[in-house]
Amino acid sequence: MTGIGYEGCDLDGFIQRLHRENVTLLVDVRLNPISRKRGFSKTALANALADAGVAYEHMRELGNPKWNRAGFGGSPAELGTARGVYAGQLVDTGARECLDRIAEAARRRTVAIMCFEADERRCHRDLVLEAVRGRFSRVVAV
């Protein structure tokens, strides 16, 4: 299981990276899976991935609210606050169910968790990955 951001990527390069890492399921954790980058909005991305042999699933329940996003790009204190706010959302029933589904899928296939930001430490997907990895007794990093 890995995290991947599409910031600075074009669609072809993004899909090539997924293939290099043997990803068979891409989980989109954007609250609103729309993008100004060509090919990265939900339907276009799902279709391109299907053509490339990669399954796609959008999990809105794991999205970071717009009002909490600025903190991920802010000072260390702002980042810590934003991470804390988002971590609190991961205890909601819908989020927990999504985390369980990702963990189950990752037992059978290579899963990538996707959002926009290139720097995973500055993205909420880092917390998603931590939460999913916490569901395993043994973690295998990709």
N, C-alpha and C. Protein backbone atom coordinates (compact mmCIF):
# COMPACT_ATOMS: atom_id res chain seq x y z
N MET A 1 0.85 -1.17 0.00
CA MET A 1 0.00 0.00 0.00
C MET A 1 0.89 1.23 0.00
N THR A 2 0.45 2.21 -0.77
CA THR A 2 1.24 3.43 -0.90
C THR A 2 0.30 4.62 -1.04
N GLY A 3 0.86 5.79 -0.90
CA GLY A 3 0.13 7.02 -1.15
C GLY A 3 0.68 7.65 -2.41
N ILE A 4 -0.17 8.39 -3.11
CA ILE A 4 0.27 9.03 -4.34
C ILE A 4 -0.51 10.33 -4.53
N GLY A 5 0.22 11.38 -4.88
CA GLY A 5 -0.38 12.66 -5.23
C GLY A 5 -0.17 12.91 -6.70
N TYR A 6 -1.11 13.58 -7.32
CA TYR A 6 -0.98 13.83 -8.76
C TYR A 6 -0.50 15.24 -9.07
N GLU A 7 -0.16 16.01 -8.06
CA GLU A 7 0.38 17.35 -8.27
C GLU A 7 1.64 17.25 -9.14
N GLY A 8 1.69 18.03 -10.21
CA GLY A 8 2.84 18.04 -11.09
C GLY A 8 2.90 16.88 -12.07
N CYS A 9 1.87 16.05 -12.11
CA CYS A 9 1.84 14.88 -13.00
C CYS A 9 0.88 15.11 -14.15
N ASP A 10 1.16 14.46 -15.26
CA ASP A 10 0.14 14.33 -16.30
C ASP A 10 -0.46 12.93 -16.15
N LEU A 11 -1.58 12.71 -16.78
CA LEU A 11 -2.30 11.45 -16.60
C LEU A 11 -1.48 10.24 -17.03
N ASP A 12 -0.80 10.33 -18.16
CA ASP A 12 -0.01 9.19 -18.64
C ASP A 12 1.11 8.84 -17.66
N GLY A 13 1.82 9.85 -17.18
CA GLY A 13 2.89 9.61 -16.22
C GLY A 13 2.37 9.05 -14.91
N PHE A 14 1.21 9.53 -14.49
CA PHE A 14 0.58 9.05 -13.27
C PHE A 14 0.25 7.56 -13.39
N ILE A 15 -0.36 7.18 -14.51
CA ILE A 15 -0.72 5.78 -14.73
C ILE A 15 0.54 4.92 -14.85
N GLN A 16 1.58 5.43 -15.49
CA GLN A 16 2.84 4.68 -15.57
C GLN A 16 3.40 4.42 -14.17
N ARG A 17 3.31 5.42 -13.30
CA ARG A 17 3.79 5.23 -11.92
C ARG A 17 2.98 4.14 -11.22
N LEU A 18 1.67 4.15 -11.40
CA LEU A 18 0.84 3.11 -10.79
C LEU A 18 1.28 1.73 -11.29
N HIS A 19 1.54 1.62 -12.58
CA HIS A 19 2.00 0.34 -13.13
C HIS A 19 3.36 -0.06 -12.57
N ARG A 20 4.29 0.89 -12.46
CA ARG A 20 5.62 0.58 -11.90
C ARG A 20 5.50 0.05 -10.47
N GLU A 21 4.52 0.55 -9.74
CA GLU A 21 4.34 0.13 -8.35
C GLU A 21 3.34 -1.02 -8.22
N ASN A 22 2.92 -1.58 -9.36
CA ASN A 22 2.00 -2.71 -9.40
C ASN A 22 0.67 -2.45 -8.70
N VAL A 23 0.21 -1.21 -8.75
CA VAL A 23 -1.06 -0.85 -8.12
C VAL A 23 -2.21 -1.43 -8.93
N THR A 24 -3.12 -2.10 -8.24
CA THR A 24 -4.30 -2.66 -8.91
C THR A 24 -5.59 -1.99 -8.46
N LEU A 25 -5.53 -1.18 -7.39
CA LEU A 25 -6.69 -0.43 -6.91
C LEU A 25 -6.23 0.95 -6.47
N LEU A 26 -6.83 1.99 -7.04
CA LEU A 26 -6.57 3.36 -6.63
C LEU A 26 -7.78 3.84 -5.84
N VAL A 27 -7.54 4.27 -4.61
CA VAL A 27 -8.60 4.82 -3.77
C VAL A 27 -8.41 6.33 -3.71
N ASP A 28 -9.41 7.03 -4.20
CA ASP A 28 -9.42 8.49 -4.26
C ASP A 28 -10.04 9.01 -2.97
N VAL A 29 -9.25 9.76 -2.18
CA VAL A 29 -9.75 10.26 -0.89
C VAL A 29 -10.00 11.77 -0.93
N ARG A 30 -10.23 12.30 -2.13
CA ARG A 30 -10.62 13.71 -2.23
C ARG A 30 -12.09 13.82 -1.86
N LEU A 31 -12.43 14.86 -1.12
CA LEU A 31 -13.83 15.09 -0.76
C LEU A 31 -14.66 15.28 -2.03
N ASN A 32 -14.17 16.13 -2.91
CA ASN A 32 -14.82 16.39 -4.20
C ASN A 32 -13.85 15.98 -5.30
N PRO A 33 -14.12 14.88 -5.97
CA PRO A 33 -13.16 14.35 -6.96
C PRO A 33 -13.22 15.07 -8.30
N ILE A 34 -13.01 16.37 -8.23
CA ILE A 34 -12.94 17.17 -9.45
C ILE A 34 -11.56 17.81 -9.49
N SER A 35 -11.11 18.11 -10.70
CA SER A 35 -9.78 18.69 -10.83
C SER A 35 -9.73 19.57 -12.07
N ARG A 36 -8.93 20.61 -11.98
CA ARG A 36 -8.66 21.44 -13.15
C ARG A 36 -7.62 20.78 -14.06
N LYS A 37 -6.92 19.79 -13.51
CA LYS A 37 -5.92 19.06 -14.31
C LYS A 37 -6.66 18.05 -15.19
N ARG A 38 -6.39 18.13 -16.47
CA ARG A 38 -7.05 17.27 -17.43
C ARG A 38 -6.87 15.79 -17.07
N GLY A 39 -7.98 15.07 -17.00
CA GLY A 39 -7.96 13.64 -16.78
C GLY A 39 -8.07 13.20 -15.33
N PHE A 40 -8.05 14.15 -14.38
CA PHE A 40 -8.04 13.77 -12.98
C PHE A 40 -9.38 13.97 -12.26
N SER A 41 -10.41 14.35 -12.98
CA SER A 41 -11.75 14.36 -12.38
C SER A 41 -12.26 12.94 -12.35
N LYS A 42 -13.19 12.68 -11.47
CA LYS A 42 -13.62 11.31 -11.15
C LYS A 42 -13.91 10.43 -12.36
N THR A 43 -14.82 10.83 -13.22
CA THR A 43 -15.23 9.97 -14.33
C THR A 43 -14.10 9.75 -15.32
N ALA A 44 -13.41 10.83 -15.70
CA ALA A 44 -12.30 10.70 -16.65
C ALA A 44 -11.20 9.82 -16.06
N LEU A 45 -10.88 10.01 -14.78
CA LEU A 45 -9.84 9.22 -14.14
C LEU A 45 -10.25 7.76 -14.04
N ALA A 46 -11.47 7.50 -13.62
CA ALA A 46 -11.95 6.12 -13.50
C ALA A 46 -11.89 5.42 -14.86
N ASN A 47 -12.29 6.11 -15.92
CA ASN A 47 -12.26 5.51 -17.26
C ASN A 47 -10.83 5.24 -17.73
N ALA A 48 -9.93 6.19 -17.51
CA ALA A 48 -8.53 6.00 -17.92
C ALA A 48 -7.89 4.86 -17.13
N LEU A 49 -8.20 4.78 -15.86
CA LEU A 49 -7.64 3.70 -15.04
C LEU A 49 -8.21 2.35 -15.47
N ALA A 50 -9.50 2.29 -15.77
CA ALA A 50 -10.10 1.04 -16.23
C ALA A 50 -9.41 0.57 -17.51
N ASP A 51 -9.17 1.50 -18.42
CA ASP A 51 -8.47 1.16 -19.67
C ASP A 51 -7.05 0.64 -19.40
N ALA A 52 -6.46 1.09 -18.28
CA ALA A 52 -5.09 0.69 -17.92
C ALA A 52 -5.07 -0.53 -16.99
N GLY A 53 -6.26 -1.06 -16.67
CA GLY A 53 -6.31 -2.25 -15.83
C GLY A 53 -6.19 -1.98 -14.34
N VAL A 54 -6.50 -0.75 -13.92
CA VAL A 54 -6.44 -0.39 -12.51
C VAL A 54 -7.85 -0.03 -12.05
N ALA A 55 -8.31 -0.66 -10.98
CA ALA A 55 -9.63 -0.36 -10.43
C ALA A 55 -9.58 0.99 -9.71
N TYR A 56 -10.73 1.65 -9.67
CA TYR A 56 -10.84 2.98 -9.05
C TYR A 56 -12.01 2.98 -8.08
N GLU A 57 -11.79 3.57 -6.93
CA GLU A 57 -12.89 3.75 -5.97
C GLU A 57 -12.72 5.10 -5.29
N HIS A 58 -13.80 5.87 -5.30
CA HIS A 58 -13.81 7.16 -4.60
C HIS A 58 -14.43 6.95 -3.22
N MET A 59 -13.74 7.43 -2.19
CA MET A 59 -14.25 7.32 -0.82
C MET A 59 -14.38 8.73 -0.24
N ARG A 60 -15.52 9.33 -0.55
CA ARG A 60 -15.82 10.70 -0.10
C ARG A 60 -15.72 10.83 1.41
N GLU A 61 -16.07 9.77 2.13
CA GLU A 61 -16.06 9.79 3.59
C GLU A 61 -14.67 10.07 4.16
N LEU A 62 -13.64 9.87 3.35
CA LEU A 62 -12.26 10.10 3.80
C LEU A 62 -11.71 11.43 3.30
N GLY A 63 -12.57 12.26 2.71
CA GLY A 63 -12.12 13.56 2.22
C GLY A 63 -11.86 14.54 3.35
N ASN A 64 -10.96 15.46 3.09
CA ASN A 64 -10.63 16.52 4.05
C ASN A 64 -11.49 17.73 3.73
N PRO A 65 -12.23 18.25 4.72
CA PRO A 65 -13.09 19.41 4.44
C PRO A 65 -12.28 20.62 3.96
N LYS A 66 -12.88 21.38 3.09
CA LYS A 66 -12.20 22.54 2.50
C LYS A 66 -11.66 23.47 3.59
N TRP A 67 -12.43 23.68 4.63
CA TRP A 67 -12.02 24.61 5.68
C TRP A 67 -10.81 24.12 6.48
N ASN A 68 -10.43 22.85 6.35
CA ASN A 68 -9.28 22.30 7.09
C ASN A 68 -8.03 22.16 6.21
N ARG A 69 -8.14 22.42 4.94
CA ARG A 69 -7.03 22.16 4.02
C ARG A 69 -5.85 23.12 4.17
N ALA A 70 -6.11 24.38 4.43
CA ALA A 70 -5.02 25.37 4.50
C ALA A 70 -3.99 24.98 5.56
N GLY A 71 -4.42 24.40 6.64
CA GLY A 71 -3.50 24.01 7.70
C GLY A 71 -2.45 23.02 7.25
N PHE A 72 -2.78 22.17 6.30
CA PHE A 72 -1.82 21.18 5.80
C PHE A 72 -0.67 21.86 5.04
N GLY A 73 -0.88 23.07 4.57
CA GLY A 73 0.16 23.80 3.88
C GLY A 73 0.79 24.89 4.74
N GLY A 74 0.37 24.97 5.99
CA GLY A 74 0.80 26.05 6.87
C GLY A 74 2.04 25.73 7.70
N SER A 75 2.19 26.47 8.76
CA SER A 75 3.32 26.32 9.69
C SER A 75 3.23 24.96 10.37
N PRO A 76 4.30 24.54 11.06
CA PRO A 76 4.23 23.28 11.79
C PRO A 76 3.06 23.22 12.78
N ALA A 77 2.79 24.34 13.44
CA ALA A 77 1.66 24.36 14.39
C ALA A 77 0.33 24.21 13.65
N GLU A 78 0.18 24.91 12.52
CA GLU A 78 -1.06 24.80 11.74
C GLU A 78 -1.22 23.40 11.18
N LEU A 79 -0.11 22.82 10.73
CA LEU A 79 -0.16 21.45 10.22
C LEU A 79 -0.60 20.49 11.32
N GLY A 80 -0.04 20.64 12.51
CA GLY A 80 -0.43 19.78 13.64
C GLY A 80 -1.90 19.91 13.97
N THR A 81 -2.41 21.13 13.94
CA THR A 81 -3.83 21.35 14.22
C THR A 81 -4.70 20.70 13.14
N ALA A 82 -4.34 20.91 11.88
CA ALA A 82 -5.12 20.35 10.77
C ALA A 82 -5.11 18.82 10.83
N ARG A 83 -3.95 18.24 11.13
CA ARG A 83 -3.87 16.78 11.25
C ARG A 83 -4.76 16.29 12.39
N GLY A 84 -4.75 17.01 13.49
CA GLY A 84 -5.59 16.62 14.62
C GLY A 84 -7.08 16.68 14.29
N VAL A 85 -7.47 17.74 13.60
CA VAL A 85 -8.87 17.87 13.18
C VAL A 85 -9.25 16.71 12.27
N TYR A 86 -8.41 16.43 11.29
CA TYR A 86 -8.73 15.35 10.36
C TYR A 86 -8.72 13.99 11.06
N ALA A 87 -7.77 13.76 11.94
CA ALA A 87 -7.72 12.49 12.67
C ALA A 87 -9.01 12.28 13.45
N GLY A 88 -9.58 13.35 13.98
CA GLY A 88 -10.85 13.24 14.68
C GLY A 88 -11.98 12.79 13.79
N GLN A 89 -11.90 13.10 12.50
CA GLN A 89 -12.94 12.69 11.56
C GLN A 89 -12.84 11.20 11.21
N LEU A 90 -11.67 10.62 11.39
CA LEU A 90 -11.48 9.22 11.03
C LEU A 90 -12.18 8.26 11.99
N VAL A 91 -12.72 8.77 13.09
CA VAL A 91 -13.45 7.91 14.02
C VAL A 91 -14.93 7.82 13.68
N ASP A 92 -15.38 8.63 12.71
CA ASP A 92 -16.78 8.55 12.28
C ASP A 92 -17.04 7.19 11.66
N THR A 93 -18.26 6.72 11.79
CA THR A 93 -18.63 5.39 11.30
C THR A 93 -18.31 5.22 9.82
N GLY A 94 -18.69 6.17 8.99
CA GLY A 94 -18.44 6.06 7.55
C GLY A 94 -16.96 5.98 7.23
N ALA A 95 -16.16 6.79 7.91
CA ALA A 95 -14.71 6.77 7.69
C ALA A 95 -14.12 5.45 8.15
N ARG A 96 -14.53 4.96 9.30
CA ARG A 96 -14.01 3.68 9.80
C ARG A 96 -14.35 2.55 8.84
N GLU A 97 -15.55 2.55 8.30
CA GLU A 97 -15.94 1.51 7.34
C GLU A 97 -15.07 1.57 6.09
N CYS A 98 -14.76 2.78 5.62
CA CYS A 98 -13.89 2.93 4.45
C CYS A 98 -12.48 2.42 4.76
N LEU A 99 -11.96 2.77 5.93
CA LEU A 99 -10.63 2.31 6.32
C LEU A 99 -10.59 0.79 6.38
N ASP A 100 -11.64 0.19 6.90
CA ASP A 100 -11.71 -1.27 6.96
C ASP A 100 -11.73 -1.88 5.56
N ARG A 101 -12.49 -1.25 4.65
CA ARG A 101 -12.56 -1.74 3.27
C ARG A 101 -11.21 -1.64 2.57
N ILE A 102 -10.50 -0.55 2.82
CA ILE A 102 -9.16 -0.41 2.22
C ILE A 102 -8.23 -1.47 2.77
N ALA A 103 -8.26 -1.68 4.09
CA ALA A 103 -7.39 -2.68 4.70
C ALA A 103 -7.68 -4.06 4.14
N GLU A 104 -8.95 -4.39 3.97
CA GLU A 104 -9.33 -5.69 3.42
C GLU A 104 -8.83 -5.83 1.98
N ALA A 105 -9.00 -4.78 1.19
CA ALA A 105 -8.53 -4.82 -0.20
C ALA A 105 -7.01 -4.96 -0.24
N ALA A 106 -6.31 -4.28 0.67
CA ALA A 106 -4.84 -4.32 0.68
C ALA A 106 -4.29 -5.68 1.07
N ARG A 107 -5.12 -6.52 1.63
CA ARG A 107 -4.69 -7.89 1.94
C ARG A 107 -4.61 -8.74 0.68
N ARG A 108 -5.32 -8.32 -0.38
CA ARG A 108 -5.40 -9.12 -1.60
C ARG A 108 -4.74 -8.47 -2.82
N ARG A 109 -4.53 -7.15 -2.75
CA ARG A 109 -4.02 -6.44 -3.92
C ARG A 109 -3.18 -5.24 -3.49
N THR A 110 -2.51 -4.63 -4.44
CA THR A 110 -1.71 -3.44 -4.14
C THR A 110 -2.58 -2.21 -4.30
N VAL A 111 -2.72 -1.47 -3.22
CA VAL A 111 -3.62 -0.32 -3.16
C VAL A 111 -2.79 0.96 -3.06
N ALA A 112 -3.23 1.98 -3.78
CA ALA A 112 -2.65 3.32 -3.65
C ALA A 112 -3.76 4.26 -3.19
N ILE A 113 -3.43 5.10 -2.22
CA ILE A 113 -4.35 6.12 -1.72
C ILE A 113 -3.98 7.43 -2.39
N MET A 114 -4.93 8.06 -3.09
CA MET A 114 -4.65 9.23 -3.90
C MET A 114 -5.34 10.49 -3.43
N CYS A 115 -4.59 11.58 -3.50
CA CYS A 115 -5.12 12.93 -3.38
C CYS A 115 -4.24 13.81 -4.28
N PHE A 116 -4.36 15.11 -4.17
CA PHE A 116 -3.63 16.01 -5.07
C PHE A 116 -2.18 16.23 -4.65
N GLU A 117 -1.93 16.56 -3.41
CA GLU A 117 -0.62 17.04 -2.96
C GLU A 117 0.51 16.04 -3.22
N ALA A 118 1.61 16.55 -3.74
CA ALA A 118 2.78 15.71 -3.98
C ALA A 118 3.43 15.29 -2.67
N ASP A 119 3.50 16.21 -1.70
CA ASP A 119 4.15 15.95 -0.42
C ASP A 119 3.16 15.27 0.52
N GLU A 120 3.31 13.98 0.68
CA GLU A 120 2.37 13.20 1.48
C GLU A 120 2.25 13.70 2.91
N ARG A 121 3.34 14.20 3.48
CA ARG A 121 3.29 14.69 4.86
C ARG A 121 2.41 15.93 4.98
N ARG A 122 2.15 16.59 3.85
CA ARG A 122 1.31 17.78 3.82
C ARG A 122 -0.09 17.47 3.29
N CYS A 123 -0.47 16.22 3.37
CA CYS A 123 -1.77 15.78 2.85
C CYS A 123 -2.47 14.88 3.86
N HIS A 124 -3.78 14.95 3.88
CA HIS A 124 -4.54 14.10 4.79
C HIS A 124 -4.42 12.62 4.47
N ARG A 125 -4.01 12.28 3.24
CA ARG A 125 -3.88 10.85 2.92
C ARG A 125 -2.83 10.17 3.78
N ASP A 126 -1.87 10.95 4.31
CA ASP A 126 -0.88 10.41 5.23
C ASP A 126 -1.57 9.79 6.45
N LEU A 127 -2.59 10.45 6.94
CA LEU A 127 -3.33 9.94 8.09
C LEU A 127 -4.20 8.74 7.71
N VAL A 128 -4.72 8.75 6.49
CA VAL A 128 -5.47 7.60 6.00
C VAL A 128 -4.55 6.38 5.97
N LEU A 129 -3.36 6.56 5.42
CA LEU A 129 -2.40 5.45 5.35
C LEU A 129 -2.03 4.95 6.74
N GLU A 130 -1.78 5.86 7.67
CA GLU A 130 -1.47 5.46 9.05
C GLU A 130 -2.61 4.64 9.64
N ALA A 131 -3.84 5.10 9.44
CA ALA A 131 -4.99 4.41 10.01
C ALA A 131 -5.17 3.02 9.40
N VAL A 132 -4.97 2.89 8.11
CA VAL A 132 -5.10 1.59 7.46
C VAL A 132 -3.97 0.67 7.91
N ARG A 133 -2.76 1.19 7.93
CA ARG A 133 -1.62 0.36 8.36
C ARG A 133 -1.79 -0.10 9.80
N GLY A 134 -2.44 0.70 10.61
CA GLY A 134 -2.70 0.31 12.00
C GLY A 134 -3.63 -0.88 12.12
N ARG A 135 -4.33 -1.20 11.05
CA ARG A 135 -5.23 -2.35 11.05
C ARG A 135 -4.49 -3.66 10.74
N PHE A 136 -3.22 -3.58 10.40
CA PHE A 136 -2.43 -4.76 10.09
C PHE A 136 -1.49 -5.06 11.24
N SER A 137 -1.21 -6.34 11.43
CA SER A 137 -0.21 -6.71 12.43
C SER A 137 1.19 -6.58 11.85
N ARG A 138 1.27 -6.61 10.51
CA ARG A 138 2.55 -6.48 9.82
C ARG A 138 2.35 -5.54 8.65
N VAL A 139 3.20 -4.55 8.52
CA VAL A 139 3.10 -3.57 7.45
C VAL A 139 4.15 -3.86 6.39
N VAL A 140 3.72 -3.87 5.14
CA VAL A 140 4.65 -4.01 4.03
C VAL A 140 4.61 -2.71 3.26
N ALA A 141 5.71 -2.00 3.20
CA ALA A 141 5.77 -0.73 2.48
C ALA A 141 6.13 -0.98 1.02
N VAL A 142 5.52 -0.18 0.16
CA VAL A 142 5.79 -0.27 -1.28
C VAL A 142 6.74 0.84 -1.64
